[in-house]
Amino acid sequence: MAKRGRPRTYGVKPGRMFFRDAFVRCAFDAARRNGEKYDDAVSAAVSALNSGYDKRYVSRTGVKRILAARQLDHPGQTLLVTKDVLESAEVATANAHLPGVHITRLPRWTLQFGPCPEHTRNNARTDGK
């Protein structure tokens, strides 16, 4: 007789969850860099993922779990995700070997390890009081 309950995964997650986490981190960091407060940045990350073309879904709690997992491994170090848009000349050279491809702007995702981003508060105390 089979065991009841959820099957054991032994900590292994599917690849799609890694890309979902990377997308959420990128959307959250972009919102914080634009000056959004924490709750608004979480909402922006939720709406960015949920409005995607491939019907991915995440809740506010899911975004907070993803952001909390960022803090666990090594203090001060995290996986940084950035999104750049390649211009037409770079795209043309990258797609030169593909026949019939006429893309002028292509997103490029960059993954790197680095220090945790500092998101300062707008109402933080200053030394001058």
Protein backbone atom coordinates (compact mmCIF):
# COMPACT_ATOMS: atom_id res chain seq x y z
CA MET A 1 0.00 0.00 0.00
CA ALA A 2 1.34 3.42 -0.97
CA LYS A 3 2.13 6.06 1.61
CA ARG A 4 -0.47 8.74 2.10
CA GLY A 5 0.08 12.46 1.69
CA ARG A 6 2.38 14.46 -0.54
CA PRO A 7 5.24 12.66 -2.24
CA ARG A 8 8.74 13.46 -0.98
CA THR A 9 10.85 15.68 -3.18
CA TYR A 10 13.96 15.75 -0.96
CA GLY A 11 14.38 19.48 -1.56
CA VAL A 12 14.41 19.27 -5.36
CA LYS A 13 12.25 21.87 -7.11
CA PRO A 14 11.30 22.02 -10.78
CA GLY A 15 13.18 24.44 -13.04
CA ARG A 16 10.09 26.54 -13.63
CA MET A 17 10.12 27.53 -9.94
CA PHE A 18 13.67 28.88 -10.28
CA PHE A 19 12.62 31.08 -13.19
CA ARG A 20 9.49 32.20 -11.33
CA ASP A 21 11.63 33.16 -8.32
CA ALA A 22 14.11 35.02 -10.53
CA PHE A 23 11.28 36.94 -12.24
CA VAL A 24 9.73 37.89 -8.89
CA ARG A 25 13.08 39.08 -7.49
CA CYS A 26 13.73 41.17 -10.59
CA ALA A 27 10.25 42.75 -10.50
CA PHE A 28 10.51 43.48 -6.75
CA ASP A 29 13.98 45.05 -7.05
CA ALA A 30 12.88 47.17 -10.02
CA ALA A 31 9.89 48.48 -8.06
CA ARG A 32 12.08 49.29 -5.05
CA ARG A 33 14.61 51.09 -7.25
CA ASN A 34 11.72 53.19 -8.57
CA GLY A 35 10.97 54.34 -5.01
CA GLU A 36 8.02 52.10 -4.15
CA LYS A 37 7.47 51.11 -0.53
CA TYR A 38 7.75 47.44 0.49
CA ASP A 39 4.05 46.57 0.27
CA ASP A 40 3.66 48.37 -3.05
CA ALA A 41 6.75 46.60 -4.42
CA VAL A 42 5.31 43.22 -3.36
CA SER A 43 2.06 44.11 -5.15
CA ALA A 44 4.02 45.16 -8.23
CA ALA A 45 5.87 41.83 -8.26
CA VAL A 46 2.57 39.93 -7.96
CA SER A 47 0.94 41.87 -10.78
CA ALA A 48 4.03 41.59 -13.01
CA LEU A 49 4.06 37.81 -12.72
CA ASN A 50 0.30 37.32 -12.91
CA SER A 51 -0.05 39.50 -16.01
CA GLY A 52 2.50 37.40 -17.93
CA TYR A 53 1.71 35.67 -21.17
CA ASP A 54 2.10 32.11 -19.89
CA LYS A 55 -0.41 32.29 -17.01
CA ARG A 56 1.98 31.98 -14.09
CA TYR A 57 0.46 32.77 -10.71
CA VAL A 58 1.89 33.85 -7.38
CA SER A 59 0.24 35.35 -4.30
CA ARG A 60 1.50 38.08 -1.99
CA THR A 61 2.48 35.39 0.53
CA GLY A 62 4.37 33.54 -2.21
CA VAL A 63 6.34 36.68 -3.08
CA LYS A 64 7.20 37.22 0.58
CA ARG A 65 8.41 33.60 0.84
CA ILE A 66 10.59 34.04 -2.23
CA LEU A 67 12.09 37.23 -0.79
CA ALA A 68 12.66 35.54 2.60
CA ALA A 69 14.48 32.65 0.90
CA ARG A 70 16.89 35.23 -0.52
CA GLN A 71 18.18 35.90 3.00
CA LEU A 72 18.89 32.30 4.07
CA ASP A 73 22.06 30.98 2.41
CA HIS A 74 24.95 33.36 3.05
CA PRO A 75 24.55 36.57 5.02
CA GLY A 76 25.17 39.55 2.79
CA GLN A 77 25.26 37.53 -0.46
CA THR A 78 22.33 36.79 -2.74
CA LEU A 79 21.40 35.93 -6.30
CA LEU A 80 20.85 39.15 -8.23
CA VAL A 81 18.60 39.13 -11.29
CA THR A 82 18.59 41.98 -13.78
CA LYS A 83 16.80 42.43 -17.10
CA ASP A 84 18.40 44.32 -19.97
CA VAL A 85 17.04 44.96 -23.42
CA LEU A 86 19.46 44.32 -26.27
CA GLU A 87 19.43 46.91 -29.01
CA SER A 88 18.89 46.06 -32.66
CA ALA A 89 22.59 45.79 -33.62
CA GLU A 90 23.33 43.28 -30.86
CA VAL A 91 20.19 41.29 -31.68
CA ALA A 92 21.07 41.23 -35.37
CA THR A 93 24.51 39.77 -34.67
CA ALA A 94 23.10 37.27 -32.17
CA ASN A 95 20.41 36.07 -34.62
CA ALA A 96 22.52 36.18 -37.80
CA HIS A 97 22.48 32.40 -38.12
CA LEU A 98 18.67 32.14 -37.86
CA PRO A 99 16.83 32.52 -41.17
CA GLY A 100 13.72 34.69 -41.21
CA VAL A 101 14.17 36.19 -37.72
CA HIS A 102 13.44 39.93 -37.62
CA ILE A 103 13.47 40.78 -33.90
CA THR A 104 14.65 44.30 -33.10
CA ARG A 105 14.51 44.23 -29.29
CA LEU A 106 15.23 41.17 -27.18
CA PRO A 107 15.25 40.92 -23.38
CA ARG A 108 18.39 39.52 -21.72
CA TRP A 109 18.31 38.18 -18.16
CA THR A 110 21.53 38.36 -16.14
CA LEU A 111 22.09 36.20 -13.04
CA GLN A 112 24.97 36.95 -10.67
CA PHE A 113 25.88 36.64 -7.02
CA GLY A 114 26.51 39.81 -5.09
CA PRO A 115 25.63 41.83 -2.00
CA CYS A 116 22.00 42.15 -0.97
CA PRO A 117 20.43 45.29 -2.41
CA GLU A 118 20.03 48.20 -0.03
CA HIS A 119 16.55 49.66 -0.18
CA THR A 120 16.57 52.74 2.02
CA ARG A 121 13.36 54.04 3.52
CA ASN A 122 11.99 57.40 2.51
CA ASN A 123 11.19 58.27 6.10
CA ALA A 124 14.46 56.99 7.61
CA ARG A 125 16.03 59.09 10.34
CA THR A 126 18.95 61.29 9.42
CA ASP A 127 21.78 62.32 11.73
CA GLY A 128 20.65 65.98 11.64
CA LYS A 129 17.19 65.07 13.06
